[in-house]
């Protein structure tokens, strides 16, 4: 430490942003896999439909998480 101050500042993010990143990564990965399967011409076991569903649900869950983390959530439209 330097003059008694910590080496790193604490993260300004709450658990909501961390959860958003996990949800966004999962839904984005599912969309990529669904697109690759669709481009490959096959659809074993409904992978395309499942991937797109996961992507849609991730998008619908992610936006409220980010809005809830805002310091002024009543101005989310800005």
PDB file of N, CA and C in Angstrom:
ATOM      1  N   UNK A   1       0.831  -1.196   0.000  1.00  0.00           N
ATOM      2  CA  UNK A   1       0.000   0.000   0.000  1.00  0.00           C
ATOM      3  C   UNK A   1       0.867   1.247   0.000  1.00  0.00           C
ATOM      4  N   UNK A   2       0.276   2.332  -0.378  1.00  0.00           N
ATOM      5  CA  UNK A   2       0.969   3.605  -0.462  1.00  0.00           C
ATOM      6  C   UNK A   2       0.308   4.565   0.508  1.00  0.00           C
ATOM      7  N   UNK A   3       1.011   4.957   1.537  1.00  0.00           N
ATOM      8  CA  UNK A   3       0.496   5.851   2.584  1.00  0.00           C
ATOM      9  C   UNK A   3      -0.775   5.304   3.223  1.00  0.00           C
ATOM     10  N   UNK A   4      -0.822   4.010   3.414  1.00  0.00           N
ATOM     11  CA  UNK A   4      -1.965   3.396   4.082  1.00  0.00           C
ATOM     12  C   UNK A   4      -3.201   3.219   3.213  1.00  0.00           C
ATOM     13  N   UNK A   5      -3.109   3.511   1.924  1.00  0.00           N
ATOM     14  CA  UNK A   5      -4.254   3.350   1.018  1.00  0.00           C
ATOM     15  C   UNK A   5      -4.168   1.985   0.345  1.00  0.00           C
ATOM     16  N   UNK A   6      -5.306   1.368   0.058  1.00  0.00           N
ATOM     17  CA  UNK A   6      -5.273   0.059  -0.604  1.00  0.00           C
ATOM     18  C   UNK A   6      -4.713   0.161  -2.022  1.00  0.00           C
ATOM     19  N   UNK A   7      -4.140  -0.933  -2.497  1.00  0.00           N
ATOM     20  CA  UNK A   7      -3.543  -0.949  -3.827  1.00  0.00           C
ATOM     21  C   UNK A   7      -4.587  -0.841  -4.934  1.00  0.00           C
ATOM     22  N   UNK A   8      -5.771  -1.376  -4.698  1.00  0.00           N
ATOM     23  CA  UNK A   8      -6.845  -1.332  -5.686  1.00  0.00           C
ATOM     24  C   UNK A   8      -8.102  -0.743  -5.070  1.00  0.00           C
ATOM     25  N   UNK A   9      -8.840  -0.018  -5.878  1.00  0.00           N
ATOM     26  CA  UNK A   9     -10.116   0.504  -5.410  1.00  0.00           C
ATOM     27  C   UNK A   9     -11.156  -0.611  -5.445  1.00  0.00           C
ATOM     28  N   UNK A  10     -12.148  -0.567  -4.570  1.00  0.00           N
ATOM     29  CA  UNK A  10     -13.205  -1.575  -4.645  1.00  0.00           C
ATOM     30  C   UNK A  10     -14.039  -1.379  -5.914  1.00  0.00           C
ATOM     31  N   UNK A  11     -14.573  -2.454  -6.398  1.00  0.00           N
ATOM     32  CA  UNK A  11     -15.375  -2.400  -7.616  1.00  0.00           C
ATOM     33  C   UNK A  11     -16.673  -1.629  -7.375  1.00  0.00           C
ATOM     34  N   UNK A  12     -17.047  -0.739  -8.299  1.00  0.00           N
ATOM     35  CA  UNK A  12     -18.304  -0.004  -8.129  1.00  0.00           C
ATOM     36  C   UNK A  12     -19.526  -0.830  -8.529  1.00  0.00           C
ATOM     37  N   UNK A  13     -19.308  -2.005  -9.072  1.00  0.00           N
ATOM     38  CA  UNK A  13     -20.410  -2.829  -9.540  1.00  0.00           C
ATOM     39  C   UNK A  13     -21.024  -3.613  -8.405  1.00  0.00           C
ATOM     40  N   UNK A  14     -22.318  -3.831  -8.512  1.00  0.00           N
ATOM     41  CA  UNK A  14     -23.004  -4.697  -7.554  1.00  0.00           C
ATOM     42  C   UNK A  14     -23.171  -6.077  -8.181  1.00  0.00           C
ATOM     43  N   UNK A  15     -23.836  -6.962  -7.471  1.00  0.00           N
ATOM     44  CA  UNK A  15     -24.053  -8.316  -7.968  1.00  0.00           C
ATOM     45  C   UNK A  15     -24.922  -8.309  -9.223  1.00  0.00           C
ATOM     46  N   UNK A  16     -25.689  -7.243  -9.434  1.00  0.00           N
ATOM     47  CA  UNK A  16     -26.574  -7.187 -10.601  1.00  0.00           C
ATOM     48  C   UNK A  16     -25.782  -7.119 -11.900  1.00  0.00           C
ATOM     49  N   UNK A  17     -24.708  -6.357 -11.906  1.00  0.00           N
ATOM     50  CA  UNK A  17     -23.890  -6.255 -13.113  1.00  0.00           C
ATOM     51  C   UNK A  17     -23.154  -7.570 -13.359  1.00  0.00           C
ATOM     52  N   UNK A  18     -22.682  -8.188 -12.302  1.00  0.00           N
ATOM     53  CA  UNK A  18     -22.005  -9.480 -12.437  1.00  0.00           C
ATOM     54  C   UNK A  18     -22.956 -10.528 -13.003  1.00  0.00           C
ATOM     55  N   UNK A  19     -24.178 -10.551 -12.492  1.00  0.00           N
ATOM     56  CA  UNK A  19     -25.182 -11.490 -13.010  1.00  0.00           C
ATOM     57  C   UNK A  19     -25.521 -11.170 -14.455  1.00  0.00           C
ATOM     58  N   UNK A  20     -25.613  -9.870 -14.794  1.00  0.00           N
ATOM     59  CA  UNK A  20     -25.878  -9.480 -16.181  1.00  0.00           C
ATOM     60  C   UNK A  20     -24.794 -10.000 -17.114  1.00  0.00           C
ATOM     61  N   UNK A  21     -23.536  -9.877 -16.710  1.00  0.00           N
ATOM     62  CA  UNK A  21     -22.442 -10.357 -17.560  1.00  0.00           C
ATOM     63  C   UNK A  21     -22.526 -11.861 -17.780  1.00  0.00           C
ATOM     64  N   UNK A  22     -22.885 -12.591 -16.740  1.00  0.00           N
ATOM     65  CA  UNK A  22     -23.025 -14.039 -16.877  1.00  0.00           C
ATOM     66  C   UNK A  22     -24.190 -14.382 -17.806  1.00  0.00           C
ATOM     67  N   UNK A  23     -25.312 -13.696 -17.633  1.00  0.00           N
ATOM     68  CA  UNK A  23     -26.494 -13.951 -18.463  1.00  0.00           C
ATOM     69  C   UNK A  23     -26.206 -13.572 -19.918  1.00  0.00           C
ATOM     70  N   UNK A  24     -25.570 -12.422 -20.121  1.00  0.00           N
ATOM     71  CA  UNK A  24     -25.271 -11.967 -21.486  1.00  0.00           C
ATOM     72  C   UNK A  24     -24.288 -12.907 -22.175  1.00  0.00           C
ATOM     73  N   UNK A  25     -23.286 -13.384 -21.450  1.00  0.00           N
ATOM     74  CA  UNK A  25     -22.329 -14.318 -22.037  1.00  0.00           C
ATOM     75  C   UNK A  25     -22.972 -15.635 -22.427  1.00  0.00           C
ATOM     76  N   UNK A  26     -23.843 -16.133 -21.563  1.00  0.00           N
ATOM     77  CA  UNK A  26     -24.529 -17.392 -21.847  1.00  0.00           C
ATOM     78  C   UNK A  26     -25.468 -17.248 -23.038  1.00  0.00           C
ATOM     79  N   UNK A  27     -26.242 -16.168 -23.059  1.00  0.00           N
ATOM     80  CA  UNK A  27     -27.193 -15.998 -24.159  1.00  0.00           C
ATOM     81  C   UNK A  27     -26.476 -15.714 -25.479  1.00  0.00           C
ATOM     82  N   UNK A  28     -25.384 -14.975 -25.424  1.00  0.00           N
ATOM     83  CA  UNK A  28     -24.621 -14.726 -26.640  1.00  0.00           C
ATOM     84  C   UNK A  28     -23.982 -15.988 -27.179  1.00  0.00           C
ATOM     85  N   UNK A  29     -23.440 -16.796 -26.293  1.00  0.00           N
ATOM     86  CA  UNK A  29     -22.860 -18.065 -26.715  1.00  0.00           C
ATOM     87  C   UNK A  29     -23.888 -19.004 -27.313  1.00  0.00           C
ATOM     88  N   UNK A  30     -25.077 -19.013 -26.718  1.00  0.00           N
ATOM     89  CA  UNK A  30     -26.156 -19.862 -27.248  1.00  0.00           C
ATOM     90  C   UNK A  30     -26.569 -19.405 -28.638  1.00  0.00           C
ATOM     91  N   UNK A  31     -26.599 -18.095 -28.849  1.00  0.00           N
ATOM     92  CA  UNK A  31     -26.952 -17.578 -30.174  1.00  0.00           C
ATOM     93  C   UNK A  31     -25.903 -17.952 -31.216  1.00  0.00           C
ATOM     94  N   UNK A  32     -24.641 -17.873 -30.845  1.00  0.00           N
ATOM     95  CA  UNK A  32     -23.559 -18.225 -31.778  1.00  0.00           C
ATOM     96  C   UNK A  32     -23.633 -19.705 -32.144  1.00  0.00           C
ATOM     97  N   UNK A  33     -23.842 -20.545 -31.154  1.00  0.00           N
ATOM     98  CA  UNK A  33     -23.948 -21.986 -31.424  1.00  0.00           C
ATOM     99  C   UNK A  33     -25.155 -22.281 -32.307  1.00  0.00           C
ATOM    100  N   UNK A  34     -26.287 -21.634 -32.031  1.00  0.00           N
ATOM    101  CA  UNK A  34     -27.487 -21.844 -32.855  1.00  0.00           C
ATOM    102  C   UNK A  34     -27.247 -21.404 -34.288  1.00  0.00           C
ATOM    103  N   UNK A  35     -26.558 -20.293 -34.476  1.00  0.00           N
ATOM    104  CA  UNK A  35     -26.274 -19.809 -35.826  1.00  0.00           C
ATOM    105  C   UNK A  35     -25.328 -20.751 -36.561  1.00  0.00           C
ATOM    106  N   UNK A  36     -24.329 -21.277 -35.862  1.00  0.00           N
ATOM    107  CA  UNK A  36     -23.397 -22.204 -36.496  1.00  0.00           C
ATOM    108  C   UNK A  36     -24.095 -23.503 -36.896  1.00  0.00           C
ATOM    109  N   UNK A  37     -24.981 -23.996 -36.048  1.00  0.00           N
ATOM    110  CA  UNK A  37     -25.718 -25.222 -36.366  1.00  0.00           C
ATOM    111  C   UNK A  37     -26.638 -24.976 -37.555  1.00  0.00           C
ATOM    112  N   UNK A  38     -27.289 -23.828 -37.551  1.00  0.00           N
ATOM    113  CA  UNK A  38     -28.199 -23.489 -38.656  1.00  0.00           C
ATOM    114  C   UNK A  38     -27.428 -23.365 -39.972  1.00  0.00           C
ATOM    115  N   UNK A  39     -26.250 -22.724 -39.924  1.00  0.00           N
ATOM    116  CA  UNK A  39     -25.439 -22.570 -41.136  1.00  0.00           C
ATOM    117  C   UNK A  39     -24.898 -23.909 -41.614  1.00  0.00           C
ATOM    118  N   UNK A  40     -24.684 -24.829 -40.692  1.00  0.00           N
ATOM    119  CA  UNK A  40     -24.186 -26.152 -41.059  1.00  0.00           C
ATOM    120  C   UNK A  40     -25.231 -27.030 -41.708  1.00  0.00           C
ATOM    121  N   UNK A  41     -26.484 -26.617 -41.667  1.00  0.00           N
ATOM    122  CA  UNK A  41     -27.538 -27.348 -42.343  1.00  0.00           C
ATOM    123  C   UNK A  41     -28.252 -28.371 -41.493  1.00  0.00           C
ATOM    124  N   UNK A  42     -27.814 -28.604 -40.297  1.00  0.00           N
ATOM    125  CA  UNK A  42     -28.468 -29.590 -39.451  1.00  0.00           C
ATOM    126  C   UNK A  42     -29.114 -28.937 -38.240  1.00  0.00           C
ATOM    127  N   UNK A  43     -29.989 -29.682 -37.598  1.00  0.00           N
ATOM    128  CA  UNK A  43     -30.611 -29.200 -36.367  1.00  0.00           C
ATOM    129  C   UNK A  43     -30.893 -30.401 -35.464  1.00  0.00           C
ATOM    130  N   UNK A  44     -29.824 -30.985 -34.923  1.00  0.00           N
ATOM    131  CA  UNK A  44     -30.048 -32.144 -34.061  1.00  0.00           C
ATOM    132  C   UNK A  44     -30.668 -31.739 -32.727  1.00  0.00           C
ATOM    133  N   UNK A  45     -31.746 -32.386 -32.411  1.00  0.00           N
ATOM    134  CA  UNK A  45     -32.398 -32.224 -31.106  1.00  0.00           C
ATOM    135  C   UNK A  45     -32.883 -30.799 -30.839  1.00  0.00           C
ATOM    136  N   UNK A  46     -33.192 -30.021 -31.844  1.00  0.00           N
ATOM    137  CA  UNK A  46     -33.735 -28.678 -31.654  1.00  0.00           C
ATOM    138  C   UNK A  46     -32.742 -27.676 -31.085  1.00  0.00           C
ATOM    139  N   UNK A  47     -31.481 -27.793 -31.481  1.00  0.00           N
ATOM    140  CA  UNK A  47     -30.441 -26.913 -30.946  1.00  0.00           C
ATOM    141  C   UNK A  47     -30.688 -25.463 -31.350  1.00  0.00           C
ATOM    142  N   UNK A  48     -31.136 -25.230 -32.570  1.00  0.00           N
ATOM    143  CA  UNK A  48     -31.352 -23.866 -33.047  1.00  0.00           C
ATOM    144  C   UNK A  48     -32.464 -23.197 -32.242  1.00  0.00           C
ATOM    145  N   UNK A  49     -33.557 -23.883 -32.065  1.00  0.00           N
ATOM    146  CA  UNK A  49     -34.675 -23.308 -31.296  1.00  0.00           C
ATOM    147  C   UNK A  49     -34.273 -23.048 -29.842  1.00  0.00           C
ATOM    148  N   UNK A  50     -33.572 -23.988 -29.242  1.00  0.00           N
ATOM    149  CA  UNK A  50     -33.146 -23.810 -27.851  1.00  0.00           C
ATOM    150  C   UNK A  50     -32.165 -22.653 -27.720  1.00  0.00           C
ATOM    151  N   UNK A  51     -31.226 -22.545 -28.643  1.00  0.00           N
ATOM    152  CA  UNK A  51     -30.251 -21.456 -28.606  1.00  0.00           C
ATOM    153  C   UNK A  51     -30.892 -20.098 -28.759  1.00  0.00           C
ATOM    154  N   UNK A  52     -31.832 -20.019 -29.669  1.00  0.00           N
ATOM    155  CA  UNK A  52     -32.524 -18.730 -29.863  1.00  0.00           C
ATOM    156  C   UNK A  52     -33.420 -18.389 -28.684  1.00  0.00           C
ATOM    157  N   UNK A  53     -34.014 -19.383 -28.074  1.00  0.00           N
ATOM    158  CA  UNK A  53     -34.831 -19.142 -26.881  1.00  0.00           C
ATOM    159  C   UNK A  53     -33.975 -18.650 -25.720  1.00  0.00           C
ATOM    160  N   UNK A  54     -32.839 -19.282 -25.523  1.00  0.00           N
ATOM    161  CA  UNK A  54     -31.924 -18.844 -24.464  1.00  0.00           C
ATOM    162  C   UNK A  54     -31.437 -17.422 -24.740  1.00  0.00           C
ATOM    163  N   UNK A  55     -31.153 -17.107 -25.989  1.00  0.00           N
ATOM    164  CA  UNK A  55     -30.726 -15.755 -26.350  1.00  0.00           C
ATOM    165  C   UNK A  55     -31.796 -14.723 -26.072  1.00  0.00           C
ATOM    166  N   UNK A  56     -33.033 -15.047 -26.387  1.00  0.00           N
ATOM    167  CA  UNK A  56     -34.133 -14.117 -26.140  1.00  0.00           C
ATOM    168  C   UNK A  56     -34.354 -13.906 -24.648  1.00  0.00           C
ATOM    169  N   UNK A  57     -34.366 -14.984 -23.891  1.00  0.00           N
ATOM    170  CA  UNK A  57     -34.568 -14.878 -22.441  1.00  0.00           C
ATOM    171  C   UNK A  57     -33.422 -14.086 -21.806  1.00  0.00           C
ATOM    172  N   UNK A  58     -32.205 -14.311 -22.258  1.00  0.00           N
ATOM    173  CA  UNK A  58     -31.074 -13.558 -21.736  1.00  0.00           C
ATOM    174  C   UNK A  58     -31.189 -12.073 -22.005  1.00  0.00           C
ATOM    175  N   UNK A  59     -31.678 -11.713 -23.182  1.00  0.00           N
ATOM    176  CA  UNK A  59     -31.876 -10.300 -23.499  1.00  0.00           C
ATOM    177  C   UNK A  59     -32.974  -9.686 -22.647  1.00  0.00           C
ATOM    178  N   UNK A  60     -34.023 -10.428 -22.401  1.00  0.00           N
ATOM    179  CA  UNK A  60     -35.130  -9.903 -21.599  1.00  0.00           C
ATOM    180  C   UNK A  60     -34.776  -9.786 -20.119  1.00  0.00           C
ATOM    181  N   UNK A  61     -33.895 -10.640 -19.636  1.00  0.00           N
ATOM    182  CA  UNK A  61     -33.491 -10.598 -18.228  1.00  0.00           C
ATOM    183  C   UNK A  61     -32.376  -9.571 -18.012  1.00  0.00           C
ATOM    184  N   UNK A  62     -31.508  -9.405 -18.987  1.00  0.00           N
ATOM    185  CA  UNK A  62     -30.354  -8.524 -18.835  1.00  0.00           C
ATOM    186  C   UNK A  62     -30.696  -7.055 -18.702  1.00  0.00           C
ATOM    187  N   UNK A  63     -31.647  -6.576 -19.493  1.00  0.00           N
ATOM    188  CA  UNK A  63     -31.993  -5.151 -19.441  1.00  0.00           C
ATOM    189  C   UNK A  63     -32.503  -4.723 -18.068  1.00  0.00           C
ATOM    190  N   UNK A  64     -33.432  -5.436 -17.447  1.00  0.00           N
ATOM    191  CA  UNK A  64     -33.853  -5.026 -16.099  1.00  0.00           C
ATOM    192  C   UNK A  64     -32.729  -5.081 -15.064  1.00  0.00           C
ATOM    193  N   UNK A  65     -31.786  -6.001 -15.227  1.00  0.00           N
ATOM    194  CA  UNK A  65     -30.669  -6.053 -14.291  1.00  0.00           C
ATOM    195  C   UNK A  65     -29.808  -4.795 -14.384  1.00  0.00           C
ATOM    196  N   UNK A  66     -29.557  -4.340 -15.600  1.00  0.00           N
ATOM    197  CA  UNK A  66     -28.769  -3.124 -15.756  1.00  0.00           C
ATOM    198  C   UNK A  66     -29.534  -1.896 -15.290  1.00  0.00           C
ATOM    199  N   UNK A  67     -30.820  -1.843 -15.564  1.00  0.00           N
ATOM    200  CA  UNK A  67     -31.638  -0.715 -15.113  1.00  0.00           C
ATOM    201  C   UNK A  67     -31.685  -0.679 -13.590  1.00  0.00           C
ATOM    202  N   UNK A  68     -31.792  -1.832 -12.951  1.00  0.00           N
ATOM    203  CA  UNK A  68     -31.835  -1.887 -11.496  1.00  0.00           C
ATOM    204  C   UNK A  68     -30.517  -1.445 -10.874  1.00  0.00           C
ATOM    205  N   UNK A  69     -29.408  -1.580 -11.598  1.00  0.00           N
ATOM    206  CA  UNK A  69     -28.113  -1.181 -11.059  1.00  0.00           C
ATOM    207  C   UNK A  69     -27.830   0.312 -11.228  1.00  0.00           C
ATOM    208  N   UNK A  70     -28.624   1.000 -12.024  1.00  0.00           N
ATOM    209  CA  UNK A  70     -28.401   2.433 -12.214  1.00  0.00           C
ATOM    210  C   UNK A  70     -28.516   3.185 -10.897  1.00  0.00           C
ATOM    211  N   UNK A  71     -27.786   4.258 -10.797  1.00  0.00           N
ATOM    212  CA  UNK A  71     -27.887   5.074  -9.586  1.00  0.00           C
ATOM    213  C   UNK A  71     -29.211   5.830  -9.551  1.00  0.00           C
ATOM    214  N   UNK A  72     -29.771   6.119 -10.719  1.00  0.00           N
ATOM    215  CA  UNK A  72     -31.080   6.783 -10.818  1.00  0.00           C
ATOM    216  C   UNK A  72     -31.964   5.967 -11.762  1.00  0.00           C
ATOM    217  N   UNK A  73     -32.556   4.874 -11.294  1.00  0.00           N
ATOM    218  CA  UNK A  73     -33.297   3.989 -12.193  1.00  0.00           C
ATOM    219  C   UNK A  73     -34.548   4.634 -12.797  1.00  0.00           C
ATOM    220  N   UNK A  74     -35.039   5.723 -12.235  1.00  0.00           N
ATOM    221  CA  UNK A  74     -36.222   6.351 -12.822  1.00  0.00           C
ATOM    222  C   UNK A  74     -35.899   7.045 -14.140  1.00  0.00           C
ATOM    223  N   UNK A  75     -34.603   7.209 -14.460  1.00  0.00           N
ATOM    224  CA  UNK A  75     -34.203   7.823 -15.737  1.00  0.00           C
ATOM    225  C   UNK A  75     -33.572   6.789 -16.677  1.00  0.00           C
ATOM    226  N   UNK A  76     -34.047   5.561 -16.675  1.00  0.00           N
ATOM    227  CA  UNK A  76     -33.445   4.475 -17.450  1.00  0.00           C
ATOM    228  C   UNK A  76     -33.518   4.725 -18.941  1.00  0.00           C
ATOM    229  N   UNK A  77     -34.475   5.508 -19.396  1.00  0.00           N
ATOM    230  CA  UNK A  77     -34.655   5.731 -20.839  1.00  0.00           C
ATOM    231  C   UNK A  77     -33.606   6.673 -21.400  1.00  0.00           C
ATOM    232  N   UNK A  78     -32.850   7.356 -20.556  1.00  0.00           N
ATOM    233  CA  UNK A  78     -31.788   8.239 -21.051  1.00  0.00           C
ATOM    234  C   UNK A  78     -30.590   7.400 -21.396  1.00  0.00           C
TER     235      UNK A  78
END
